[in-house]
Amino acid sequence: MSGRLYPMHLARASRNKGLGLTLAVFCLLVFGLTIVKLSAQTGAATEAAAPTTITQTR
C-alpha cells in the first residue's frame, strides 16, 4: 500500500467528516428534545401531585 493520497481519498475523508458531524448534530438534537420532553412531563407530574389548598369564604 502506497503512502500517496489520491483525490478520491481526500474526497472520501471530507465526506466522512461531514457525515460524522451531521450524525453528531442529529444525536444532540434528539438528546435535547428528549430532555425537554422529560422535564415538561416531570413538571406536570409534580404539579399534579402537589397538594392544593382550598380556601372557603363565608
N, C-alpha and C. Protein backbone atom coordinates (compact mmCIF):
# COMPACT_ATOMS: atom_id res chain seq x y z
N MET A 1 0.85 -1.17 0.00
CA MET A 1 0.00 0.00 0.00
C MET A 1 0.89 1.22 0.00
N SER A 2 0.64 2.11 -0.90
CA SER A 2 1.48 3.30 -1.02
C SER A 2 1.00 4.40 -0.08
N GLY A 3 1.88 5.32 0.22
CA GLY A 3 1.56 6.41 1.13
C GLY A 3 0.97 7.61 0.43
N ARG A 4 0.68 7.48 -0.86
CA ARG A 4 0.14 8.62 -1.60
C ARG A 4 -1.35 8.79 -1.32
N LEU A 5 -1.75 10.04 -1.25
CA LEU A 5 -3.16 10.34 -1.08
C LEU A 5 -3.72 10.78 -2.42
N TYR A 6 -4.62 10.03 -2.94
CA TYR A 6 -5.26 10.36 -4.19
C TYR A 6 -6.45 11.27 -3.92
N PRO A 7 -6.89 12.01 -4.92
CA PRO A 7 -8.06 12.90 -4.72
C PRO A 7 -9.29 12.15 -4.20
N MET A 8 -9.42 10.91 -4.61
CA MET A 8 -10.55 10.11 -4.13
C MET A 8 -10.49 9.94 -2.61
N HIS A 9 -9.30 9.73 -2.07
CA HIS A 9 -9.16 9.55 -0.62
C HIS A 9 -9.47 10.85 0.12
N LEU A 10 -9.03 11.97 -0.43
CA LEU A 10 -9.32 13.25 0.20
C LEU A 10 -10.82 13.55 0.19
N ALA A 11 -11.46 13.24 -0.92
CA ALA A 11 -12.91 13.46 -1.01
C ALA A 11 -13.65 12.56 -0.04
N ARG A 12 -13.21 11.32 0.06
CA ARG A 12 -13.87 10.37 0.97
C ARG A 12 -13.69 10.81 2.42
N ALA A 13 -12.49 11.28 2.76
CA ALA A 13 -12.25 11.74 4.13
C ALA A 13 -13.12 12.95 4.44
N SER A 14 -13.25 13.85 3.50
CA SER A 14 -14.09 15.03 3.70
C SER A 14 -15.55 14.64 3.87
N ARG A 15 -16.00 13.72 3.05
CA ARG A 15 -17.38 13.25 3.14
C ARG A 15 -17.63 12.55 4.47
N ASN A 16 -16.66 11.76 4.92
CA ASN A 16 -16.81 11.06 6.21
C ASN A 16 -16.88 12.05 7.37
N LYS A 17 -16.08 13.10 7.32
CA LYS A 17 -16.12 14.12 8.38
C LYS A 17 -17.47 14.82 8.38
N GLY A 18 -17.98 15.15 7.20
CA GLY A 18 -19.29 15.80 7.11
C GLY A 18 -20.40 14.91 7.62
N LEU A 19 -20.35 13.64 7.27
CA LEU A 19 -21.36 12.69 7.72
C LEU A 19 -21.28 12.49 9.24
N GLY A 20 -20.07 12.42 9.77
CA GLY A 20 -19.90 12.29 11.21
C GLY A 20 -20.43 13.50 11.96
N LEU A 21 -20.18 14.68 11.42
CA LEU A 21 -20.68 15.91 12.04
C LEU A 21 -22.20 15.95 11.99
N THR A 22 -22.77 15.56 10.87
CA THR A 22 -24.23 15.52 10.73
C THR A 22 -24.84 14.54 11.73
N LEU A 23 -24.24 13.38 11.88
CA LEU A 23 -24.73 12.40 12.83
C LEU A 23 -24.64 12.91 14.26
N ALA A 24 -23.56 13.58 14.59
CA ALA A 24 -23.39 14.14 15.94
C ALA A 24 -24.45 15.20 16.22
N VAL A 25 -24.72 16.06 15.26
CA VAL A 25 -25.75 17.10 15.44
C VAL A 25 -27.12 16.47 15.61
N PHE A 26 -27.41 15.44 14.82
CA PHE A 26 -28.70 14.74 14.94
C PHE A 26 -28.85 14.12 16.33
N CYS A 27 -27.79 13.49 16.82
CA CYS A 27 -27.83 12.87 18.16
C CYS A 27 -28.06 13.92 19.24
N LEU A 28 -27.39 15.05 19.13
CA LEU A 28 -27.57 16.12 20.11
C LEU A 28 -28.98 16.69 20.04
N LEU A 29 -29.53 16.79 18.85
CA LEU A 29 -30.90 17.28 18.70
C LEU A 29 -31.89 16.33 19.35
N VAL A 30 -31.75 15.04 19.11
CA VAL A 30 -32.65 14.05 19.73
C VAL A 30 -32.48 14.06 21.24
N PHE A 31 -31.24 14.15 21.72
CA PHE A 31 -30.99 14.19 23.16
C PHE A 31 -31.64 15.43 23.78
N GLY A 32 -31.46 16.58 23.14
CA GLY A 32 -32.04 17.82 23.66
C GLY A 32 -33.56 17.77 23.70
N LEU A 33 -34.18 17.26 22.63
CA LEU A 33 -35.63 17.15 22.62
C LEU A 33 -36.13 16.17 23.68
N THR A 34 -35.38 15.11 23.92
CA THR A 34 -35.76 14.15 24.96
C THR A 34 -35.71 14.79 26.34
N ILE A 35 -34.66 15.54 26.60
CA ILE A 35 -34.53 16.22 27.90
C ILE A 35 -35.67 17.22 28.10
N VAL A 36 -35.99 17.98 27.06
CA VAL A 36 -37.08 18.95 27.17
C VAL A 36 -38.41 18.25 27.42
N LYS A 37 -38.65 17.18 26.69
CA LYS A 37 -39.92 16.47 26.86
C LYS A 37 -40.01 15.83 28.25
N LEU A 38 -38.94 15.23 28.72
CA LEU A 38 -38.97 14.62 30.06
C LEU A 38 -39.12 15.66 31.14
N SER A 39 -38.47 16.80 31.00
CA SER A 39 -38.60 17.83 32.02
C SER A 39 -40.00 18.42 32.03
N ALA A 40 -40.65 18.51 30.87
CA ALA A 40 -42.02 19.00 30.81
C ALA A 40 -42.96 18.01 31.48
N GLN A 41 -42.76 16.71 31.26
CA GLN A 41 -43.60 15.70 31.90
C GLN A 41 -43.37 15.67 33.40
N THR A 42 -42.14 15.82 33.82
CA THR A 42 -41.83 15.82 35.25
C THR A 42 -42.46 17.03 35.93
N GLY A 43 -42.42 18.18 35.26
CA GLY A 43 -43.05 19.38 35.82
C GLY A 43 -44.55 19.21 35.96
N ALA A 44 -45.19 18.61 34.98
CA ALA A 44 -46.64 18.39 35.04
C ALA A 44 -46.98 17.39 36.14
N ALA A 45 -46.14 16.37 36.30
CA ALA A 45 -46.39 15.36 37.33
C ALA A 45 -46.25 15.95 38.72
N THR A 46 -45.27 16.79 38.94
CA THR A 46 -45.09 17.37 40.27
C THR A 46 -46.20 18.38 40.57
N GLU A 47 -46.69 19.07 39.56
CA GLU A 47 -47.80 20.00 39.79
C GLU A 47 -49.08 19.23 40.13
N ALA A 48 -49.29 18.11 39.46
CA ALA A 48 -50.49 17.31 39.72
C ALA A 48 -50.42 16.65 41.10
N ALA A 49 -49.23 16.29 41.55
CA ALA A 49 -49.08 15.60 42.82
C ALA A 49 -49.03 16.57 43.99
N ALA A 50 -48.79 17.83 43.73
CA ALA A 50 -48.68 18.81 44.81
C ALA A 50 -50.05 19.05 45.43
N PRO A 51 -50.10 19.07 46.76
CA PRO A 51 -51.39 19.32 47.41
C PRO A 51 -51.83 20.77 47.17
N THR A 52 -53.10 20.92 46.94
CA THR A 52 -53.63 22.25 46.72
C THR A 52 -54.40 22.66 47.95
N THR A 53 -54.36 23.91 48.26
CA THR A 53 -55.07 24.44 49.42
C THR A 53 -56.40 25.01 48.96
N ILE A 54 -57.45 24.57 49.58
CA ILE A 54 -58.77 25.07 49.23
C ILE A 54 -59.18 26.04 50.33
N THR A 55 -59.46 27.22 49.91
CA THR A 55 -59.88 28.23 50.88
C THR A 55 -61.39 28.42 50.75
N GLN A 56 -62.06 28.46 51.86
CA GLN A 56 -63.50 28.67 51.84
C GLN A 56 -63.78 30.08 52.31
N THR A 57 -64.66 30.70 51.63
CA THR A 57 -65.08 32.05 52.05
C THR A 57 -66.51 31.96 52.58
N ARG A 58 -66.78 32.72 53.63
CA ARG A 58 -68.12 32.70 54.23
C ARG A 58 -68.81 33.99 53.99
